[in-house]
Amino acid sequence: VSGRSVKAQFKVADRERAAYCVVVGENELAAGTVVLKDLATGEQSTVTRAELPSRLSVKD
């Protein structure tokens, strides 16, 4: 959803009923990490790109 503000991108994710948002900025690119935000709880965590698939598994 490039080219839109972060706020607009979160609105799109909410409208599409996404479970998570993955945020990748310059710092995350340099560190090999992403910020994973659970849209149901608002909880955010920084995870490595390698651990992202397991963190995105289906919620219980």
PDB file of N, CA and C in Angstrom:
ATOM      1  N   VAL A   1       0.850  -1.171   0.000  1.00  0.00           N
ATOM      2  CA  VAL A   1       0.000   0.000   0.000  1.00  0.00           C
ATOM      3  C   VAL A   1       0.895   1.234   0.000  1.00  0.00           C
ATOM      4  N   SER A   2       1.956   1.177  -0.731  1.00  0.00           N
ATOM      5  CA  SER A   2       2.929   2.272  -0.781  1.00  0.00           C
ATOM      6  C   SER A   2       2.302   3.539  -1.331  1.00  0.00           C
ATOM      7  N   GLY A   3       2.928   4.659  -1.001  1.00  0.00           N
ATOM      8  CA  GLY A   3       2.472   5.940  -1.505  1.00  0.00           C
ATOM      9  C   GLY A   3       1.412   6.589  -0.630  1.00  0.00           C
ATOM     10  N   ARG A   4       0.934   5.879   0.365  1.00  0.00           N
ATOM     11  CA  ARG A   4      -0.063   6.425   1.280  1.00  0.00           C
ATOM     12  C   ARG A   4       0.588   6.664   2.635  1.00  0.00           C
ATOM     13  N   SER A   5      -0.027   7.557   3.410  1.00  0.00           N
ATOM     14  CA  SER A   5       0.491   7.799   4.759  1.00  0.00           C
ATOM     15  C   SER A   5       0.296   6.543   5.604  1.00  0.00           C
ATOM     16  N   VAL A   6       1.057   6.444   6.675  1.00  0.00           N
ATOM     17  CA  VAL A   6       0.928   5.293   7.574  1.00  0.00           C
ATOM     18  C   VAL A   6      -0.497   5.227   8.117  1.00  0.00           C
ATOM     19  N   LYS A   7      -1.053   6.375   8.475  1.00  0.00           N
ATOM     20  CA  LYS A   7      -2.422   6.419   8.995  1.00  0.00           C
ATOM     21  C   LYS A   7      -3.408   5.854   7.971  1.00  0.00           C
ATOM     22  N   ALA A   8      -3.253   6.238   6.717  1.00  0.00           N
ATOM     23  CA  ALA A   8      -4.136   5.739   5.662  1.00  0.00           C
ATOM     24  C   ALA A   8      -3.963   4.237   5.468  1.00  0.00           C
ATOM     25  N   GLN A   9      -2.740   3.760   5.579  1.00  0.00           N
ATOM     26  CA  GLN A   9      -2.490   2.330   5.426  1.00  0.00           C
ATOM     27  C   GLN A   9      -3.138   1.536   6.556  1.00  0.00           C
ATOM     28  N   PHE A  10      -3.096   2.061   7.787  1.00  0.00           N
ATOM     29  CA  PHE A  10      -3.762   1.385   8.904  1.00  0.00           C
ATOM     30  C   PHE A  10      -5.277   1.381   8.704  1.00  0.00           C
ATOM     31  N   LYS A  11      -5.827   2.450   8.138  1.00  0.00           N
ATOM     32  CA  LYS A  11      -7.264   2.494   7.860  1.00  0.00           C
ATOM     33  C   LYS A  11      -7.650   1.424   6.845  1.00  0.00           C
ATOM     34  N   VAL A  12      -6.825   1.257   5.809  1.00  0.00           N
ATOM     35  CA  VAL A  12      -7.078   0.214   4.812  1.00  0.00           C
ATOM     36  C   VAL A  12      -7.036  -1.158   5.470  1.00  0.00           C
ATOM     37  N   ALA A  13      -6.045  -1.393   6.306  1.00  0.00           N
ATOM     38  CA  ALA A  13      -5.924  -2.681   7.002  1.00  0.00           C
ATOM     39  C   ALA A  13      -7.153  -2.933   7.869  1.00  0.00           C
ATOM     40  N   ASP A  14      -7.626  -1.916   8.554  1.00  0.00           N
ATOM     41  CA  ASP A  14      -8.809  -2.055   9.395  1.00  0.00           C
ATOM     42  C   ASP A  14     -10.040  -2.354   8.546  1.00  0.00           C
ATOM     43  N   ARG A  15     -10.188  -1.648   7.459  1.00  0.00           N
ATOM     44  CA  ARG A  15     -11.326  -1.846   6.559  1.00  0.00           C
ATOM     45  C   ARG A  15     -11.338  -3.255   5.968  1.00  0.00           C
ATOM     46  N   GLU A  16     -10.149  -3.774   5.691  1.00  0.00           N
ATOM     47  CA  GLU A  16     -10.018  -5.120   5.126  1.00  0.00           C
ATOM     48  C   GLU A  16     -10.053  -6.205   6.201  1.00  0.00           C
ATOM     49  N   ARG A  17     -10.194  -5.779   7.456  1.00  0.00           N
ATOM     50  CA  ARG A  17     -10.252  -6.693   8.611  1.00  0.00           C
ATOM     51  C   ARG A  17      -8.992  -7.547   8.741  1.00  0.00           C
ATOM     52  N   ALA A  18      -7.868  -6.913   8.505  1.00  0.00           N
ATOM     53  CA  ALA A  18      -6.577  -7.596   8.652  1.00  0.00           C
ATOM     54  C   ALA A  18      -6.334  -7.897  10.124  1.00  0.00           C
ATOM     55  N   ALA A  19      -5.697  -9.021  10.385  1.00  0.00           N
ATOM     56  CA  ALA A  19      -5.377  -9.396  11.764  1.00  0.00           C
ATOM     57  C   ALA A  19      -4.122  -8.676  12.243  1.00  0.00           C
ATOM     58  N   TYR A  20      -3.186  -8.457  11.335  1.00  0.00           N
ATOM     59  CA  TYR A  20      -1.896  -7.854  11.676  1.00  0.00           C
ATOM     60  C   TYR A  20      -1.502  -6.811  10.645  1.00  0.00           C
ATOM     61  N   CYS A  21      -0.629  -5.910  11.055  1.00  0.00           N
ATOM     62  CA  CYS A  21       0.088  -5.017  10.148  1.00  0.00           C
ATOM     63  C   CYS A  21       1.572  -5.261  10.382  1.00  0.00           C
ATOM     64  N   VAL A  22       2.319  -5.245   9.307  1.00  0.00           N
ATOM     65  CA  VAL A  22       3.771  -5.372   9.386  1.00  0.00           C
ATOM     66  C   VAL A  22       4.351  -4.043   8.923  1.00  0.00           C
ATOM     67  N   VAL A  23       5.129  -3.418   9.795  1.00  0.00           N
ATOM     68  CA  VAL A  23       5.714  -2.116   9.503  1.00  0.00           C
ATOM     69  C   VAL A  23       7.208  -2.292   9.291  1.00  0.00           C
ATOM     70  N   VAL A  24       7.678  -1.800   8.134  1.00  0.00           N
ATOM     71  CA  VAL A  24       9.100  -1.893   7.809  1.00  0.00           C
ATOM     72  C   VAL A  24       9.579  -0.508   7.388  1.00  0.00           C
ATOM     73  N   GLY A  25      10.375   0.092   8.237  1.00  0.00           N
ATOM     74  CA  GLY A  25      10.972   1.386   7.936  1.00  0.00           C
ATOM     75  C   GLY A  25      12.460   1.228   7.686  1.00  0.00           C
ATOM     76  N   GLU A  26      13.138   2.347   7.533  1.00  0.00           N
ATOM     77  CA  GLU A  26      14.581   2.310   7.269  1.00  0.00           C
ATOM     78  C   GLU A  26      15.348   1.599   8.375  1.00  0.00           C
ATOM     79  N   ASN A  27      15.003   1.890   9.628  1.00  0.00           N
ATOM     80  CA  ASN A  27      15.703   1.256  10.755  1.00  0.00           C
ATOM     81  C   ASN A  27      15.495  -0.250  10.761  1.00  0.00           C
ATOM     82  N   GLU A  28      14.262  -0.676  10.488  1.00  0.00           N
ATOM     83  CA  GLU A  28      13.961  -2.106  10.460  1.00  0.00           C
ATOM     84  C   GLU A  28      14.697  -2.795   9.314  1.00  0.00           C
ATOM     85  N   LEU A  29      14.731  -2.155   8.164  1.00  0.00           N
ATOM     86  CA  LEU A  29      15.477  -2.727   7.037  1.00  0.00           C
ATOM     87  C   LEU A  29      16.940  -2.931   7.394  1.00  0.00           C
ATOM     88  N   ALA A  30      17.532  -1.926   8.020  1.00  0.00           N
ATOM     89  CA  ALA A  30      18.947  -2.008   8.390  1.00  0.00           C
ATOM     90  C   ALA A  30      19.200  -3.100   9.425  1.00  0.00           C
ATOM     91  N   ALA A  31      18.233  -3.309  10.329  1.00  0.00           N
ATOM     92  CA  ALA A  31      18.409  -4.281  11.411  1.00  0.00           C
ATOM     93  C   ALA A  31      17.921  -5.680  11.055  1.00  0.00           C
ATOM     94  N   GLY A  32      17.249  -5.825   9.913  1.00  0.00           N
ATOM     95  CA  GLY A  32      16.703  -7.134   9.548  1.00  0.00           C
ATOM     96  C   GLY A  32      15.496  -7.516  10.379  1.00  0.00           C
ATOM     97  N   THR A  33      14.746  -6.505  10.821  1.00  0.00           N
ATOM     98  CA  THR A  33      13.567  -6.746  11.652  1.00  0.00           C
ATOM     99  C   THR A  33      12.340  -6.088  11.035  1.00  0.00           C
ATOM    100  N   VAL A  34      11.187  -6.374  11.627  1.00  0.00           N
ATOM    101  CA  VAL A  34       9.934  -5.707  11.275  1.00  0.00           C
ATOM    102  C   VAL A  34       9.182  -5.443  12.569  1.00  0.00           C
ATOM    103  N   VAL A  35       8.263  -4.502  12.531  1.00  0.00           N
ATOM    104  CA  VAL A  35       7.369  -4.281  13.660  1.00  0.00           C
ATOM    105  C   VAL A  35       6.050  -4.949  13.300  1.00  0.00           C
ATOM    106  N   LEU A  36       5.617  -5.863  14.149  1.00  0.00           N
ATOM    107  CA  LEU A  36       4.379  -6.600  13.940  1.00  0.00           C
ATOM    108  C   LEU A  36       3.338  -6.057  14.906  1.00  0.00           C
ATOM    109  N   LYS A  37       2.219  -5.569  14.360  1.00  0.00           N
ATOM    110  CA  LYS A  37       1.167  -5.014  15.207  1.00  0.00           C
ATOM    111  C   LYS A  37      -0.074  -5.880  15.090  1.00  0.00           C
ATOM    112  N   ASP A  38      -0.538  -6.380  16.225  1.00  0.00           N
ATOM    113  CA  ASP A  38      -1.783  -7.140  16.294  1.00  0.00           C
ATOM    114  C   ASP A  38      -2.909  -6.116  16.310  1.00  0.00           C
ATOM    115  N   LEU A  39      -3.724  -6.090  15.273  1.00  0.00           N
ATOM    116  CA  LEU A  39      -4.750  -5.059  15.169  1.00  0.00           C
ATOM    117  C   LEU A  39      -5.923  -5.287  16.115  1.00  0.00           C
ATOM    118  N   ALA A  40      -6.090  -6.487  16.621  1.00  0.00           N
ATOM    119  CA  ALA A  40      -7.167  -6.756  17.575  1.00  0.00           C
ATOM    120  C   ALA A  40      -6.828  -6.218  18.960  1.00  0.00           C
ATOM    121  N   THR A  41      -5.563  -6.348  19.357  1.00  0.00           N
ATOM    122  CA  THR A  41      -5.162  -5.947  20.710  1.00  0.00           C
ATOM    123  C   THR A  41      -4.375  -4.641  20.742  1.00  0.00           C
ATOM    124  N   GLY A  42      -3.811  -4.249  19.598  1.00  0.00           N
ATOM    125  CA  GLY A  42      -2.961  -3.064  19.548  1.00  0.00           C
ATOM    126  C   GLY A  42      -1.533  -3.339  19.970  1.00  0.00           C
ATOM    127  N   GLU A  43      -1.250  -4.577  20.371  1.00  0.00           N
ATOM    128  CA  GLU A  43       0.092  -4.946  20.829  1.00  0.00           C
ATOM    129  C   GLU A  43       1.074  -4.916  19.658  1.00  0.00           C
ATOM    130  N   GLN A  44       2.238  -4.342  19.897  1.00  0.00           N
ATOM    131  CA  GLN A  44       3.302  -4.275  18.893  1.00  0.00           C
ATOM    132  C   GLN A  44       4.533  -4.983  19.412  1.00  0.00           C
ATOM    133  N   SER A  45       5.232  -5.652  18.505  1.00  0.00           N
ATOM    134  CA  SER A  45       6.499  -6.268  18.878  1.00  0.00           C
ATOM    135  C   SER A  45       7.437  -6.213  17.689  1.00  0.00           C
ATOM    136  N   THR A  46       8.716  -6.137  17.985  1.00  0.00           N
ATOM    137  CA  THR A  46       9.736  -6.162  16.950  1.00  0.00           C
ATOM    138  C   THR A  46      10.228  -7.591  16.826  1.00  0.00           C
ATOM    139  N   VAL A  47      10.186  -8.110  15.606  1.00  0.00           N
ATOM    140  CA  VAL A  47      10.604  -9.492  15.359  1.00  0.00           C
ATOM    141  C   VAL A  47      11.557  -9.519  14.170  1.00  0.00           C
ATOM    142  N   THR A  48      12.370 -10.557  14.106  1.00  0.00           N
ATOM    143  CA  THR A  48      13.247 -10.707  12.948  1.00  0.00           C
ATOM    144  C   THR A  48      12.412 -11.148  11.754  1.00  0.00           C
ATOM    145  N   ARG A  49      12.927 -10.900  10.580  1.00  0.00           N
ATOM    146  CA  ARG A  49      12.213 -11.346   9.379  1.00  0.00           C
ATOM    147  C   ARG A  49      12.088 -12.858   9.362  1.00  0.00           C
ATOM    148  N   ALA A  50      13.076 -13.559   9.920  1.00  0.00           N
ATOM    149  CA  ALA A  50      13.040 -15.024   9.942  1.00  0.00           C
ATOM    150  C   ALA A  50      11.910 -15.552  10.819  1.00  0.00           C
ATOM    151  N   GLU A  51      11.603 -14.863  11.928  1.00  0.00           N
ATOM    152  CA  GLU A  51      10.553 -15.360  12.817  1.00  0.00           C
ATOM    153  C   GLU A  51       9.160 -14.860  12.444  1.00  0.00           C
ATOM    154  N   LEU A  52       9.063 -13.979  11.461  1.00  0.00           N
ATOM    155  CA  LEU A  52       7.770 -13.420  11.068  1.00  0.00           C
ATOM    156  C   LEU A  52       6.753 -14.486  10.652  1.00  0.00           C
ATOM    157  N   PRO A  53       7.098 -15.455   9.807  1.00  0.00           N
ATOM    158  CA  PRO A  53       6.081 -16.447   9.405  1.00  0.00           C
ATOM    159  C   PRO A  53       5.453 -17.190  10.582  1.00  0.00           C
ATOM    160  N   SER A  54       6.252 -17.576  11.556  1.00  0.00           N
ATOM    161  CA  SER A  54       5.688 -18.302  12.694  1.00  0.00           C
ATOM    162  C   SER A  54       4.817 -17.397  13.556  1.00  0.00           C
ATOM    163  N   ARG A  55       5.138 -16.118  13.614  1.00  0.00           N
ATOM    164  CA  ARG A  55       4.337 -15.172  14.405  1.00  0.00           C
ATOM    165  C   ARG A  55       3.010 -14.844  13.722  1.00  0.00           C
ATOM    166  N   LEU A  56       2.950 -15.048  12.401  1.00  0.00           N
ATOM    167  CA  LEU A  56       1.724 -14.759  11.659  1.00  0.00           C
ATOM    168  C   LEU A  56       0.810 -15.970  11.538  1.00  0.00           C
ATOM    169  N   SER A  57       1.139 -17.053  12.218  1.00  0.00           N
ATOM    170  CA  SER A  57       0.296 -18.247  12.143  1.00  0.00           C
ATOM    171  C   SER A  57      -1.090 -17.935  12.691  1.00  0.00           C
ATOM    172  N   VAL A  58      -2.037 -18.762  12.352  1.00  0.00           N
ATOM    173  CA  VAL A  58      -3.434 -18.553  12.726  1.00  0.00           C
ATOM    174  C   VAL A  58      -3.572 -18.435  14.236  1.00  0.00           C
ATOM    175  N   LYS A  59      -4.352 -17.437  14.650  1.00  0.00           N
ATOM    176  CA  LYS A  59      -4.602 -17.226  16.078  1.00  0.00           C
ATOM    177  C   LYS A  59      -5.491 -18.334  16.612  1.00  0.00           C
ATOM    178  N   ASP A  60      -5.315 -18.637  17.908  1.00  0.00           N
ATOM    179  CA  ASP A  60      -6.182 -19.632  18.569  1.00  0.00           C
ATOM    180  C   ASP A  60      -7.554 -19.058  18.783  1.00  0.00           C
TER     181      ASP A  60
END
